[in-house]
Amino acid sequence: MRVARESLIALGVLAAATAGYVLVAYRWQSSTLAELRTRATQRERRLADDAARASRVPPLMREVEAMKQRYNKDWDRRLPKRKELAGFLREIASNLAEENLQNQMIAPGAPTRGQLYNVLPITMKFEGDFLSLAGFLRRVDGMTRLTRIEQLKIQPKTDSGNLQIELGMNIYFTEQ
């Protein structure tokens, strides 16, 4: 009986230790493990969201490179590093003369500074027929320099079949 009693005491102590372990250590570790699993799931979700956002970057980088390849070929030619106003005015005057446009008046304005480029407005007045005007505009469009026509006023001249034309255009250039 003594052996059975000592065995029962040992079993009781063992059962109490096991119950204490389950109540204290196992439950604490289980709650910590659950918390870590929740954090891991949240981080995996955040990582998946970030990966989805980042997946847009490589196609955008390819697009940017393709645009650089397409536009860098003649961008420097069309947007010169300095004004080069005299050459541009000679080319415009030549185009006006070749299209038989008379009474030419070309007046450059004051340049304005932009963030990436500068703008120089130019006002022109001349006379001629509609086909000459169309030819001149086609020549301006084909120029190597980047230009933009901002304003075009056309009025018939009463004493002849010509038109009075007033044209406002901008040319662009980078820092000198």
Protein backbone atom coordinates (compact mmCIF):
# COMPACT_ATOMS: atom_id res chain seq x y z
CA MET A 1 0.00 0.00 0.00
CA ARG A 2 2.81 2.23 0.66
CA VAL A 3 4.06 1.84 -2.89
CA ALA A 4 0.62 2.51 -4.25
CA ARG A 5 0.29 5.56 -2.09
CA GLU A 6 3.65 6.95 -3.21
CA SER A 7 2.70 6.15 -6.79
CA LEU A 8 -0.55 8.02 -6.39
CA ILE A 9 1.25 11.00 -4.88
CA ALA A 10 3.77 10.94 -7.71
CA LEU A 11 0.96 10.71 -10.24
CA GLY A 12 -0.84 13.58 -8.52
CA VAL A 13 2.29 15.72 -8.58
CA LEU A 14 2.84 14.79 -12.22
CA ALA A 15 -0.78 15.64 -13.06
CA ALA A 16 -0.51 18.96 -11.20
CA ALA A 17 2.73 19.80 -13.02
CA THR A 18 1.15 18.91 -16.37
CA ALA A 19 -1.94 20.97 -15.58
CA GLY A 20 0.28 23.85 -14.46
CA TYR A 21 2.29 23.61 -17.68
CA VAL A 22 -0.88 23.54 -19.79
CA LEU A 23 -2.40 26.45 -17.92
CA VAL A 24 0.68 28.61 -17.78
CA ALA A 25 3.28 27.80 -20.40
CA TYR A 26 1.23 26.13 -23.16
CA ARG A 27 -1.56 28.71 -23.13
CA TRP A 28 0.91 31.60 -23.05
CA GLN A 29 2.87 30.06 -25.92
CA SER A 30 -0.36 29.35 -27.81
CA SER A 31 -1.52 32.96 -27.50
CA THR A 32 1.92 34.20 -28.55
CA LEU A 33 1.88 31.82 -31.52
CA ALA A 34 -1.61 32.99 -32.52
CA GLU A 35 -0.51 36.61 -32.29
CA LEU A 36 2.57 35.88 -34.41
CA ARG A 37 0.44 34.06 -37.00
CA THR A 38 -1.93 37.05 -37.17
CA ARG A 39 1.00 39.44 -37.65
CA ALA A 40 2.51 37.14 -40.28
CA THR A 41 -0.80 37.04 -42.17
CA GLN A 42 -1.07 40.84 -42.04
CA ARG A 43 2.51 41.23 -43.26
CA GLU A 44 1.93 38.73 -46.07
CA ARG A 45 -1.16 40.69 -47.12
CA ARG A 46 0.79 43.97 -47.01
CA LEU A 47 3.63 42.35 -48.95
CA ALA A 48 1.16 41.09 -51.58
CA ASP A 49 -0.35 44.59 -51.87
CA ASP A 50 3.10 46.15 -52.21
CA ALA A 51 4.07 43.54 -54.81
CA ALA A 52 0.90 44.33 -56.77
CA ARG A 53 1.74 48.04 -56.70
CA ALA A 54 5.35 47.37 -57.59
CA SER A 55 4.35 45.12 -60.49
CA ARG A 56 3.25 48.27 -62.34
CA VAL A 57 6.76 49.73 -62.19
CA PRO A 58 8.61 47.50 -64.73
CA PRO A 59 6.06 48.14 -67.52
CA LEU A 60 6.23 51.87 -66.75
CA MET A 61 10.02 51.76 -66.88
CA ARG A 62 9.85 50.00 -70.25
CA GLU A 63 7.40 52.63 -71.51
CA VAL A 64 9.66 55.45 -70.32
CA GLU A 65 12.66 53.86 -72.04
CA ALA A 66 10.65 53.38 -75.24
CA MET A 67 9.59 57.05 -75.13
CA LYS A 68 13.17 58.13 -74.52
CA GLN A 69 14.29 56.08 -77.51
CA ARG A 70 11.52 57.54 -79.66
CA TYR A 71 11.89 61.19 -78.62
CA ASN A 72 15.59 61.53 -77.88
CA LYS A 73 16.43 61.02 -81.55
CA ASP A 74 15.47 64.54 -82.56
CA TRP A 75 14.47 66.26 -79.30
CA ASP A 76 17.75 68.15 -79.00
CA ARG A 77 17.33 69.29 -82.58
CA ARG A 78 13.79 70.50 -81.97
CA LEU A 79 14.48 72.06 -78.56
CA PRO A 80 17.86 73.74 -78.90
CA LYS A 81 20.11 74.61 -76.00
CA ARG A 82 19.97 78.35 -76.72
CA LYS A 83 17.67 80.81 -78.44
CA GLU A 84 19.22 80.77 -81.93
CA LEU A 85 16.72 83.48 -82.77
CA ALA A 86 18.57 84.91 -85.77
CA GLY A 87 18.62 81.56 -87.61
CA PHE A 88 14.97 80.96 -86.84
CA LEU A 89 13.95 84.44 -88.06
CA ARG A 90 15.92 83.91 -91.28
CA GLU A 91 14.18 80.59 -91.83
CA ILE A 92 10.74 82.14 -91.17
CA ALA A 93 11.45 85.07 -93.50
CA SER A 94 12.65 82.64 -96.17
CA ASN A 95 9.47 80.57 -95.79
CA LEU A 96 7.32 83.70 -96.06
CA ALA A 97 9.16 84.82 -99.20
CA GLU A 98 8.97 81.37 -100.82
CA GLU A 99 5.20 81.35 -100.29
CA ASN A 100 4.86 84.87 -101.79
CA LEU A 101 3.54 86.46 -98.61
CA GLN A 102 4.10 90.23 -98.62
CA ASN A 103 4.27 93.09 -96.13
CA GLN A 104 6.00 90.92 -93.60
CA MET A 105 6.42 92.12 -90.04
CA ILE A 106 8.04 89.81 -87.50
CA ALA A 107 8.26 90.94 -83.86
CA PRO A 108 9.81 88.72 -81.18
CA GLY A 109 8.43 89.23 -77.68
CA ALA A 110 10.03 88.88 -74.28
CA PRO A 111 11.03 85.32 -73.36
CA THR A 112 9.39 83.69 -70.36
CA ARG A 113 11.14 81.14 -68.23
CA GLY A 114 9.49 77.78 -67.59
CA GLN A 115 10.55 74.99 -65.28
CA LEU A 116 12.11 72.83 -68.00
CA TYR A 117 12.29 75.20 -70.96
CA ASN A 118 11.93 78.83 -71.98
CA VAL A 119 9.29 80.25 -74.30
CA LEU A 120 9.83 83.06 -76.78
CA PRO A 121 6.62 84.49 -78.30
CA ILE A 122 6.80 85.85 -81.84
CA THR A 123 4.11 87.93 -83.54
CA MET A 124 3.94 88.04 -87.34
CA LYS A 125 1.81 90.07 -89.72
CA PHE A 126 1.75 89.56 -93.46
CA GLU A 127 -0.52 89.49 -96.50
CA GLY A 128 -1.18 86.84 -99.11
CA ASP A 129 -3.70 84.38 -100.46
CA PHE A 130 -5.08 81.37 -98.63
CA LEU A 131 -2.97 78.79 -100.47
CA SER A 132 0.21 80.71 -99.64
CA LEU A 133 -0.83 80.80 -95.98
CA ALA A 134 -1.50 77.03 -96.03
CA GLY A 135 1.92 76.43 -97.61
CA PHE A 136 3.60 78.61 -94.98
CA LEU A 137 1.85 76.78 -92.13
CA ARG A 138 2.91 73.44 -93.64
CA ARG A 139 6.52 74.70 -93.75
CA VAL A 140 6.32 75.83 -90.11
CA ASP A 141 5.01 72.40 -89.15
CA GLY A 142 7.92 70.76 -90.97
CA MET A 143 10.58 72.92 -89.31
CA THR A 144 13.20 71.18 -87.22
CA ARG A 145 12.66 73.63 -84.38
CA LEU A 146 9.80 73.06 -81.98
CA THR A 147 7.18 75.73 -82.63
CA ARG A 148 3.57 76.18 -81.64
CA ILE A 149 1.08 78.51 -83.26
CA GLU A 150 -0.95 80.10 -80.48
CA GLN A 151 -3.07 82.57 -82.43
CA LEU A 152 -4.14 83.02 -86.03
CA LYS A 153 -6.28 85.94 -87.24
CA ILE A 154 -7.31 86.08 -90.88
CA GLN A 155 -9.19 89.06 -92.34
CA PRO A 156 -10.00 89.74 -95.97
CA LYS A 157 -8.34 92.79 -97.47
CA THR A 158 -10.98 94.93 -99.17
CA ASP A 159 -8.97 96.30 -102.10
CA SER A 160 -7.58 92.95 -103.33
CA GLY A 161 -8.18 89.22 -103.07
CA ASN A 162 -5.46 88.89 -100.44
CA LEU A 163 -5.84 88.22 -96.77
CA GLN A 164 -4.41 90.13 -93.84
CA ILE A 165 -2.91 87.58 -91.52
CA GLU A 166 -1.74 87.99 -87.94
CA LEU A 167 -0.04 84.98 -86.42
CA GLY A 168 1.25 84.47 -82.89
CA MET A 169 3.65 81.59 -82.31
CA ASN A 170 5.96 80.37 -79.59
CA ILE A 171 9.40 78.88 -79.97
CA TYR A 172 11.01 76.89 -77.17
CA PHE A 173 14.58 76.58 -75.99
CA THR A 174 16.49 75.32 -72.98
CA GLU A 175 18.98 77.29 -70.89
CA GLN A 176 21.70 79.09 -72.79
